[in-house]
Amino acid sequence: QRKNPFSGDNRLASKPAHTHRGDPTYGRPPGGSRTEQRGKDAHSHVGKEVEELCLIIRRTGEVGEDGQVSVTFGQLFETYVTISNKVVGILLRARKHGLVHFEGEMLWQGKDDDVVITLL
């Protein structure tokens, strides 16, 4: 079905039926669509949450001898969970962007409370 009869978007009728991995539009919503806008909005929202997390680490952490700010996961969890329940996901995103460092793949409340998170 190349065109959804319930959609007013006629651009989909002219789009090829299948895209391939090498195609730059592969896995992307049509340009200018509401889906594309929702994706941009979500990306912006997560970016703001990462910034807020870094500010909280700076405020609650302690400056070490190397000049970097560090906080334990337990302390950060107790502070940040009142703001957002997505603290681990936001930490993973911040690490992906090179903003924080911590050991391990995933952090678990209770078990990893003593893991040190360093703001880079």
C-alpha atoms as a PDB file:
ATOM      1  CA  GLN A   1       0.000   0.000   0.000  1.00  0.00           C
ATOM      2  CA  ARG A   2       1.898   3.024  -1.255  1.00  0.00           C
ATOM      3  CA  LYS A   3      -0.647   5.587  -0.130  1.00  0.00           C
ATOM      4  CA  ASN A   4      -2.673   5.592   3.043  1.00  0.00           C
ATOM      5  CA  PRO A   5      -6.234   6.548   2.045  1.00  0.00           C
ATOM      6  CA  PHE A   6      -6.770   8.046   5.513  1.00  0.00           C
ATOM      7  CA  SER A   7      -3.846  10.440   5.208  1.00  0.00           C
ATOM      8  CA  GLY A   8      -3.980  13.829   3.541  1.00  0.00           C
ATOM      9  CA  ASP A   9      -0.246  13.636   2.781  1.00  0.00           C
ATOM     10  CA  ASN A  10       0.092  13.120  -0.979  1.00  0.00           C
ATOM     11  CA  ARG A  11       3.906  13.107  -0.891  1.00  0.00           C
ATOM     12  CA  LEU A  12       3.904   9.454   0.157  1.00  0.00           C
ATOM     13  CA  ALA A  13       2.388   8.393  -3.173  1.00  0.00           C
ATOM     14  CA  SER A  14       5.493   9.547  -5.052  1.00  0.00           C
ATOM     15  CA  LYS A  15       7.985   7.987  -2.630  1.00  0.00           C
ATOM     16  CA  PRO A  16       9.649   4.757  -3.784  1.00  0.00           C
ATOM     17  CA  ALA A  17       8.158   1.614  -2.276  1.00  0.00           C
ATOM     18  CA  HIS A  18      11.461   0.425  -0.771  1.00  0.00           C
ATOM     19  CA  THR A  19      14.602   2.207   0.306  1.00  0.00           C
ATOM     20  CA  HIS A  20      17.923   0.485   0.791  1.00  0.00           C
ATOM     21  CA  ARG A  21      20.608   0.894   3.445  1.00  0.00           C
ATOM     22  CA  GLY A  22      22.826   3.027   1.224  1.00  0.00           C
ATOM     23  CA  ASP A  23      20.015   5.493   0.549  1.00  0.00           C
ATOM     24  CA  PRO A  24      20.357   8.699   2.652  1.00  0.00           C
ATOM     25  CA  THR A  25      16.593   8.646   3.353  1.00  0.00           C
ATOM     26  CA  TYR A  26      16.732   5.085   4.717  1.00  0.00           C
ATOM     27  CA  GLY A  27      15.164   4.960   8.201  1.00  0.00           C
ATOM     28  CA  ARG A  28      14.240   8.649   8.116  1.00  0.00           C
ATOM     29  CA  PRO A  29      10.781  10.213   8.073  1.00  0.00           C
ATOM     30  CA  PRO A  30       9.826  12.312   5.063  1.00  0.00           C
ATOM     31  CA  GLY A  31      11.272  15.825   5.265  1.00  0.00           C
ATOM     32  CA  GLY A  32       8.852  18.387   6.647  1.00  0.00           C
ATOM     33  CA  SER A  33       6.547  15.746   8.115  1.00  0.00           C
ATOM     34  CA  ARG A  34       5.111  15.862  11.619  1.00  0.00           C
ATOM     35  CA  THR A  35       7.079  12.698  12.417  1.00  0.00           C
ATOM     36  CA  GLU A  36      10.315  14.480  11.558  1.00  0.00           C
ATOM     37  CA  GLN A  37       9.311  17.437  13.754  1.00  0.00           C
ATOM     38  CA  ARG A  38       8.461  15.149  16.695  1.00  0.00           C
ATOM     39  CA  GLY A  39      11.907  13.549  16.362  1.00  0.00           C
ATOM     40  CA  LYS A  40      13.609  16.945  16.399  1.00  0.00           C
ATOM     41  CA  ASP A  41      11.573  18.014  19.432  1.00  0.00           C
ATOM     42  CA  ALA A  42      12.468  14.809  21.304  1.00  0.00           C
ATOM     43  CA  HIS A  43      16.162  15.244  20.487  1.00  0.00           C
ATOM     44  CA  SER A  44      16.058  18.814  21.809  1.00  0.00           C
ATOM     45  CA  HIS A  45      14.255  17.721  25.002  1.00  0.00           C
ATOM     46  CA  VAL A  46      16.809  15.000  25.761  1.00  0.00           C
ATOM     47  CA  GLY A  47      19.631  17.469  25.139  1.00  0.00           C
ATOM     48  CA  LYS A  48      18.154  19.812  27.735  1.00  0.00           C
ATOM     49  CA  GLU A  49      17.871  16.951  30.244  1.00  0.00           C
ATOM     50  CA  VAL A  50      21.541  16.050  29.678  1.00  0.00           C
ATOM     51  CA  GLU A  51      22.529  19.691  30.316  1.00  0.00           C
ATOM     52  CA  GLU A  52      20.450  19.740  33.503  1.00  0.00           C
ATOM     53  CA  LEU A  53      22.070  16.506  34.700  1.00  0.00           C
ATOM     54  CA  CYS A  54      25.548  17.973  34.156  1.00  0.00           C
ATOM     55  CA  LEU A  55      24.576  21.078  36.152  1.00  0.00           C
ATOM     56  CA  ILE A  56      23.311  18.909  39.012  1.00  0.00           C
ATOM     57  CA  ILE A  57      26.550  16.892  39.006  1.00  0.00           C
ATOM     58  CA  ARG A  58      28.514  20.159  39.140  1.00  0.00           C
ATOM     59  CA  ARG A  59      26.363  21.436  42.040  1.00  0.00           C
ATOM     60  CA  THR A  60      26.255  18.260  44.144  1.00  0.00           C
ATOM     61  CA  GLY A  61      29.655  16.790  43.315  1.00  0.00           C
ATOM     62  CA  GLU A  62      33.029  17.437  44.839  1.00  0.00           C
ATOM     63  CA  VAL A  63      36.078  18.760  43.026  1.00  0.00           C
ATOM     64  CA  GLY A  64      38.897  16.229  43.122  1.00  0.00           C
ATOM     65  CA  GLU A  65      42.654  16.760  43.138  1.00  0.00           C
ATOM     66  CA  ASP A  66      42.630  16.581  39.326  1.00  0.00           C
ATOM     67  CA  GLY A  67      40.113  19.440  39.159  1.00  0.00           C
ATOM     68  CA  GLN A  68      37.255  17.267  37.889  1.00  0.00           C
ATOM     69  CA  VAL A  69      33.873  17.148  39.601  1.00  0.00           C
ATOM     70  CA  SER A  70      32.750  13.705  40.782  1.00  0.00           C
ATOM     71  CA  VAL A  71      29.673  12.351  42.524  1.00  0.00           C
ATOM     72  CA  THR A  72      28.563   8.857  43.501  1.00  0.00           C
ATOM     73  CA  PHE A  73      25.632   7.308  41.668  1.00  0.00           C
ATOM     74  CA  GLY A  74      23.689   6.930  44.920  1.00  0.00           C
ATOM     75  CA  GLN A  75      23.994  10.623  45.748  1.00  0.00           C
ATOM     76  CA  LEU A  76      23.126  11.645  42.181  1.00  0.00           C
ATOM     77  CA  PHE A  77      20.161   9.271  42.070  1.00  0.00           C
ATOM     78  CA  GLU A  78      18.684  10.675  45.273  1.00  0.00           C
ATOM     79  CA  THR A  79      19.068  14.241  43.987  1.00  0.00           C
ATOM     80  CA  TYR A  80      17.997  13.737  40.377  1.00  0.00           C
ATOM     81  CA  VAL A  81      15.108  11.272  40.841  1.00  0.00           C
ATOM     82  CA  THR A  82      12.959  14.079  42.231  1.00  0.00           C
ATOM     83  CA  ILE A  83      13.411  15.854  38.877  1.00  0.00           C
ATOM     84  CA  SER A  84      13.204  12.905  36.495  1.00  0.00           C
ATOM     85  CA  ASN A  85      12.865   9.139  36.800  1.00  0.00           C
ATOM     86  CA  LYS A  86      15.085   8.650  33.728  1.00  0.00           C
ATOM     87  CA  VAL A  87      18.402   9.316  35.471  1.00  0.00           C
ATOM     88  CA  VAL A  88      20.142   6.174  34.157  1.00  0.00           C
ATOM     89  CA  GLY A  89      19.041   6.747  30.566  1.00  0.00           C
ATOM     90  CA  ILE A  90      20.157  10.370  30.679  1.00  0.00           C
ATOM     91  CA  LEU A  91      23.503   9.295  32.194  1.00  0.00           C
ATOM     92  CA  LEU A  92      24.015   6.820  29.346  1.00  0.00           C
ATOM     93  CA  ARG A  93      23.244   9.534  26.790  1.00  0.00           C
ATOM     94  CA  ALA A  94      25.657  11.951  28.522  1.00  0.00           C
ATOM     95  CA  ARG A  95      28.396   9.291  28.436  1.00  0.00           C
ATOM     96  CA  LYS A  96      27.719   8.647  24.752  1.00  0.00           C
ATOM     97  CA  HIS A  97      28.348  12.354  24.085  1.00  0.00           C
ATOM     98  CA  GLY A  98      31.555  12.342  26.184  1.00  0.00           C
ATOM     99  CA  LEU A  99      30.223  14.532  28.993  1.00  0.00           C
ATOM    100  CA  VAL A 100      30.536  12.073  31.892  1.00  0.00           C
ATOM    101  CA  HIS A 101      32.513   8.930  32.720  1.00  0.00           C
ATOM    102  CA  PHE A 102      31.652   5.972  34.915  1.00  0.00           C
ATOM    103  CA  GLU A 103      32.608   2.304  35.028  1.00  0.00           C
ATOM    104  CA  GLY A 104      30.254  -0.408  33.824  1.00  0.00           C
ATOM    105  CA  GLU A 105      27.596  -0.688  31.156  1.00  0.00           C
ATOM    106  CA  MET A 106      24.539  -0.017  33.337  1.00  0.00           C
ATOM    107  CA  LEU A 107      23.948   1.432  36.778  1.00  0.00           C
ATOM    108  CA  TRP A 108      21.490  -0.127  39.219  1.00  0.00           C
ATOM    109  CA  GLN A 109      20.042   1.579  42.280  1.00  0.00           C
ATOM    110  CA  GLY A 110      21.376   0.023  45.473  1.00  0.00           C
ATOM    111  CA  LYS A 111      23.973  -2.207  43.809  1.00  0.00           C
ATOM    112  CA  ASP A 112      25.928   0.614  42.143  1.00  0.00           C
ATOM    113  CA  ASP A 113      25.402   3.420  44.676  1.00  0.00           C
ATOM    114  CA  ASP A 114      29.185   3.721  45.225  1.00  0.00           C
ATOM    115  CA  VAL A 115      30.108   3.996  41.517  1.00  0.00           C
ATOM    116  CA  VAL A 116      31.818   7.334  40.875  1.00  0.00           C
ATOM    117  CA  ILE A 117      30.506   9.496  38.036  1.00  0.00           C
ATOM    118  CA  THR A 118      32.962  12.094  36.780  1.00  0.00           C
ATOM    119  CA  LEU A 119      31.995  15.192  34.849  1.00  0.00           C
ATOM    120  CA  LEU A 120      34.379  15.592  31.910  1.00  0.00           C
END
